[in-house]
Amino acid sequence: MLDLKDLRCFIAVYETRGFGRAAKTLNTVQSNISVRIRRLEDEVGAPLFDRLHRSIRPTAKGEVLYRYAVKVLQDISEMEAAIIEQRVA
């Protein structure tokens, strides 16, 4: 089962193009990011990033996951806003 925190980490790595930069963005340590990305890779059964010398590049599966992860997190945000709005009404 995919974890939302893992998806958030994945998106941060994808958008910043680095594990260290993603860790800074999410105010955590790089090892935490690495563990979460490895867990996602185990879940999908394939690497999500090509690890190059001093850089990374998303794989084809990483590109697909990114598109869906952004949608999922956006939908969850909208759901939370709708629920809060219902409480106020």
N, C-alpha and C. Protein backbone atom coordinates (compact mmCIF):
# COMPACT_ATOMS: atom_id res chain seq x y z
N MET A 1 0.84 -1.18 0.00
CA MET A 1 0.00 0.00 0.00
C MET A 1 0.89 1.25 0.00
N LEU A 2 0.62 2.15 -0.89
CA LEU A 2 1.40 3.37 -0.97
C LEU A 2 1.09 4.29 0.21
N ASP A 3 2.11 4.93 0.71
CA ASP A 3 2.01 5.84 1.85
C ASP A 3 2.06 7.28 1.33
N LEU A 4 1.19 8.13 1.84
CA LEU A 4 1.15 9.52 1.37
C LEU A 4 2.44 10.27 1.66
N LYS A 5 3.06 9.99 2.79
CA LYS A 5 4.34 10.64 3.10
C LYS A 5 5.42 10.22 2.11
N ASP A 6 5.37 8.95 1.70
CA ASP A 6 6.31 8.48 0.69
C ASP A 6 6.10 9.24 -0.62
N LEU A 7 4.83 9.44 -0.98
CA LEU A 7 4.53 10.17 -2.22
C LEU A 7 5.00 11.62 -2.13
N ARG A 8 4.81 12.24 -0.97
CA ARG A 8 5.28 13.62 -0.80
C ARG A 8 6.80 13.69 -0.95
N CYS A 9 7.49 12.73 -0.38
CA CYS A 9 8.95 12.69 -0.51
C CYS A 9 9.34 12.48 -1.97
N PHE A 10 8.65 11.56 -2.63
CA PHE A 10 8.94 11.29 -4.03
C PHE A 10 8.77 12.56 -4.87
N ILE A 11 7.68 13.28 -4.67
CA ILE A 11 7.44 14.51 -5.42
C ILE A 11 8.54 15.53 -5.14
N ALA A 12 8.95 15.65 -3.89
CA ALA A 12 10.01 16.60 -3.55
C ALA A 12 11.32 16.22 -4.24
N VAL A 13 11.66 14.93 -4.26
CA VAL A 13 12.89 14.50 -4.94
C VAL A 13 12.77 14.78 -6.43
N TYR A 14 11.63 14.46 -7.01
CA TYR A 14 11.41 14.67 -8.43
C TYR A 14 11.56 16.16 -8.78
N GLU A 15 10.90 17.02 -8.01
CA GLU A 15 10.87 18.44 -8.34
C GLU A 15 12.19 19.15 -8.04
N THR A 16 12.91 18.70 -7.02
CA THR A 16 14.18 19.35 -6.69
C THR A 16 15.36 18.68 -7.38
N ARG A 17 15.11 17.48 -7.95
CA ARG A 17 16.13 16.70 -8.65
C ARG A 17 17.28 16.28 -7.74
N GLY A 18 16.94 16.06 -6.46
CA GLY A 18 17.99 15.59 -5.55
C GLY A 18 17.44 15.16 -4.21
N PHE A 19 18.06 14.14 -3.63
CA PHE A 19 17.65 13.63 -2.33
C PHE A 19 17.97 14.64 -1.23
N GLY A 20 19.16 15.24 -1.29
CA GLY A 20 19.55 16.23 -0.30
C GLY A 20 18.69 17.48 -0.36
N ARG A 21 18.42 17.95 -1.57
CA ARG A 21 17.56 19.14 -1.72
C ARG A 21 16.14 18.85 -1.26
N ALA A 22 15.65 17.65 -1.54
CA ALA A 22 14.31 17.27 -1.08
C ALA A 22 14.27 17.24 0.44
N ALA A 23 15.33 16.71 1.06
CA ALA A 23 15.39 16.66 2.52
C ALA A 23 15.33 18.07 3.11
N LYS A 24 16.05 19.01 2.52
CA LYS A 24 16.02 20.39 3.00
C LYS A 24 14.62 20.98 2.83
N THR A 25 14.01 20.73 1.68
CA THR A 25 12.67 21.24 1.41
C THR A 25 11.66 20.72 2.43
N LEU A 26 11.80 19.45 2.79
CA LEU A 26 10.85 18.81 3.72
C LEU A 26 11.31 18.88 5.17
N ASN A 27 12.43 19.57 5.41
CA ASN A 27 12.96 19.74 6.76
C ASN A 27 13.18 18.39 7.46
N THR A 28 13.88 17.51 6.78
CA THR A 28 14.21 16.20 7.31
C THR A 28 15.63 15.85 6.90
N VAL A 29 16.04 14.63 7.17
CA VAL A 29 17.39 14.21 6.80
C VAL A 29 17.34 13.37 5.52
N GLN A 30 18.46 13.37 4.82
CA GLN A 30 18.52 12.67 3.53
C GLN A 30 18.27 11.18 3.69
N SER A 31 18.70 10.58 4.78
CA SER A 31 18.49 9.14 4.96
C SER A 31 17.01 8.81 5.05
N ASN A 32 16.21 9.69 5.63
CA ASN A 32 14.76 9.48 5.69
C ASN A 32 14.16 9.49 4.28
N ILE A 33 14.61 10.41 3.46
CA ILE A 33 14.14 10.49 2.08
C ILE A 33 14.53 9.22 1.33
N SER A 34 15.76 8.79 1.49
CA SER A 34 16.25 7.59 0.80
C SER A 34 15.43 6.36 1.17
N VAL A 35 15.11 6.21 2.45
CA VAL A 35 14.32 5.07 2.91
C VAL A 35 12.93 5.10 2.27
N ARG A 36 12.33 6.26 2.23
CA ARG A 36 10.98 6.38 1.66
C ARG A 36 10.98 6.09 0.16
N ILE A 37 11.99 6.58 -0.54
CA ILE A 37 12.06 6.32 -1.99
C ILE A 37 12.31 4.84 -2.24
N ARG A 38 13.18 4.23 -1.46
CA ARG A 38 13.45 2.79 -1.61
C ARG A 38 12.18 1.99 -1.35
N ARG A 39 11.38 2.40 -0.36
CA ARG A 39 10.12 1.71 -0.07
C ARG A 39 9.16 1.82 -1.26
N LEU A 40 9.08 3.01 -1.85
CA LEU A 40 8.23 3.17 -3.04
C LEU A 40 8.74 2.30 -4.19
N GLU A 41 10.04 2.28 -4.39
CA GLU A 41 10.61 1.46 -5.46
C GLU A 41 10.31 -0.02 -5.22
N ASP A 42 10.36 -0.45 -3.98
CA ASP A 42 10.00 -1.84 -3.67
C ASP A 42 8.53 -2.09 -3.96
N GLU A 43 7.70 -1.11 -3.65
CA GLU A 43 6.25 -1.24 -3.87
C GLU A 43 5.91 -1.36 -5.36
N VAL A 44 6.56 -0.52 -6.19
CA VAL A 44 6.26 -0.57 -7.62
C VAL A 44 7.11 -1.60 -8.36
N GLY A 45 8.13 -2.11 -7.70
CA GLY A 45 8.95 -3.16 -8.29
C GLY A 45 9.93 -2.69 -9.35
N ALA A 46 10.31 -1.42 -9.27
CA ALA A 46 11.25 -0.88 -10.26
C ALA A 46 11.86 0.41 -9.73
N PRO A 47 13.04 0.77 -10.22
CA PRO A 47 13.64 2.05 -9.82
C PRO A 47 12.78 3.22 -10.33
N LEU A 48 12.71 4.26 -9.53
CA LEU A 48 11.97 5.46 -9.91
C LEU A 48 12.91 6.55 -10.40
N PHE A 49 14.18 6.42 -10.04
CA PHE A 49 15.19 7.39 -10.46
C PHE A 49 16.43 6.64 -10.93
N ASP A 50 17.05 7.18 -11.97
CA ASP A 50 18.39 6.73 -12.35
C ASP A 50 19.35 7.55 -11.51
N ARG A 51 20.19 6.87 -10.76
CA ARG A 51 21.18 7.56 -9.94
C ARG A 51 22.44 7.73 -10.77
N LEU A 52 22.71 8.96 -11.12
CA LEU A 52 23.87 9.30 -11.93
C LEU A 52 24.94 9.89 -11.03
N HIS A 53 26.10 10.11 -11.58
CA HIS A 53 27.17 10.74 -10.79
C HIS A 53 26.73 12.14 -10.40
N ARG A 54 26.45 12.33 -9.11
CA ARG A 54 26.07 13.64 -8.56
C ARG A 54 24.72 14.17 -9.04
N SER A 55 23.88 13.34 -9.63
CA SER A 55 22.55 13.81 -10.01
C SER A 55 21.63 12.60 -10.15
N ILE A 56 20.37 12.89 -10.32
CA ILE A 56 19.38 11.84 -10.55
C ILE A 56 18.50 12.25 -11.72
N ARG A 57 17.86 11.26 -12.30
CA ARG A 57 16.92 11.50 -13.40
C ARG A 57 15.78 10.51 -13.22
N PRO A 58 14.52 10.97 -13.33
CA PRO A 58 13.41 10.03 -13.19
C PRO A 58 13.40 9.00 -14.31
N THR A 59 13.06 7.77 -13.96
CA THR A 59 12.88 6.72 -14.97
C THR A 59 11.50 6.90 -15.59
N ALA A 60 11.18 6.09 -16.58
CA ALA A 60 9.85 6.15 -17.20
C ALA A 60 8.77 5.88 -16.15
N LYS A 61 9.00 4.90 -15.28
CA LYS A 61 8.02 4.62 -14.21
C LYS A 61 7.96 5.78 -13.23
N GLY A 62 9.08 6.43 -12.98
CA GLY A 62 9.09 7.60 -12.12
C GLY A 62 8.25 8.73 -12.69
N GLU A 63 8.32 8.91 -14.00
CA GLU A 63 7.51 9.94 -14.67
C GLU A 63 6.02 9.64 -14.51
N VAL A 64 5.64 8.38 -14.70
CA VAL A 64 4.23 7.99 -14.55
C VAL A 64 3.78 8.20 -13.11
N LEU A 65 4.59 7.74 -12.16
CA LEU A 65 4.22 7.89 -10.75
C LEU A 65 4.07 9.36 -10.39
N TYR A 66 4.95 10.21 -10.89
CA TYR A 66 4.86 11.63 -10.58
C TYR A 66 3.53 12.22 -11.02
N ARG A 67 3.13 11.93 -12.24
CA ARG A 67 1.86 12.47 -12.74
C ARG A 67 0.70 12.06 -11.84
N TYR A 68 0.66 10.80 -11.45
CA TYR A 68 -0.44 10.32 -10.61
C TYR A 68 -0.31 10.81 -9.16
N ALA A 69 0.91 10.87 -8.65
CA ALA A 69 1.11 11.30 -7.26
C ALA A 69 0.64 12.74 -7.07
N VAL A 70 0.94 13.59 -8.04
CA VAL A 70 0.50 14.98 -7.97
C VAL A 70 -1.03 15.04 -7.94
N LYS A 71 -1.68 14.26 -8.79
CA LYS A 71 -3.14 14.23 -8.82
C LYS A 71 -3.71 13.73 -7.49
N VAL A 72 -3.15 12.66 -6.97
CA VAL A 72 -3.63 12.08 -5.72
C VAL A 72 -3.54 13.10 -4.59
N LEU A 73 -2.40 13.73 -4.45
CA LEU A 73 -2.23 14.69 -3.36
C LEU A 73 -3.11 15.92 -3.55
N GLN A 74 -3.33 16.31 -4.79
CA GLN A 74 -4.23 17.44 -5.07
C GLN A 74 -5.66 17.05 -4.70
N ASP A 75 -6.08 15.85 -5.07
CA ASP A 75 -7.42 15.38 -4.73
C ASP A 75 -7.62 15.30 -3.21
N ILE A 76 -6.61 14.86 -2.50
CA ILE A 76 -6.71 14.78 -1.04
C ILE A 76 -6.83 16.17 -0.44
N SER A 77 -6.08 17.11 -0.96
CA SER A 77 -6.16 18.50 -0.50
C SER A 77 -7.56 19.06 -0.71
N GLU A 78 -8.11 18.81 -1.89
CA GLU A 78 -9.46 19.28 -2.19
C GLU A 78 -10.49 18.62 -1.28
N MET A 79 -10.33 17.33 -1.01
CA MET A 79 -11.23 16.61 -0.13
C MET A 79 -11.18 17.21 1.28
N GLU A 80 -9.98 17.46 1.79
CA GLU A 80 -9.84 18.03 3.12
C GLU A 80 -10.50 19.41 3.19
N ALA A 81 -10.32 20.22 2.15
CA ALA A 81 -10.94 21.55 2.11
C ALA A 81 -12.46 21.43 2.09
N ALA A 82 -12.99 20.49 1.33
CA ALA A 82 -14.44 20.31 1.25
C ALA A 82 -15.01 19.86 2.60
N ILE A 83 -14.28 18.99 3.29
CA ILE A 83 -14.74 18.52 4.60
C ILE A 83 -14.73 19.67 5.60
N ILE A 84 -13.68 20.47 5.59
CA ILE A 84 -13.61 21.62 6.50
C ILE A 84 -14.74 22.59 6.20
N GLU A 85 -15.00 22.81 4.93
CA GLU A 85 -16.07 23.71 4.52
C GLU A 85 -17.42 23.21 5.04
N GLN A 86 -17.65 21.91 5.03
CA GLN A 86 -18.91 21.32 5.52
C GLN A 86 -19.04 21.51 7.03
N ARG A 87 -17.96 21.48 7.75
CA ARG A 87 -18.02 21.68 9.20
C ARG A 87 -18.46 23.09 9.53
N VAL A 88 -18.03 24.05 8.72
CA VAL A 88 -18.35 25.45 8.95
C VAL A 88 -19.82 25.75 8.62
N ALA A 89 -20.32 25.09 7.61
CA ALA A 89 -21.69 25.37 7.14
C ALA A 89 -22.74 24.90 8.10
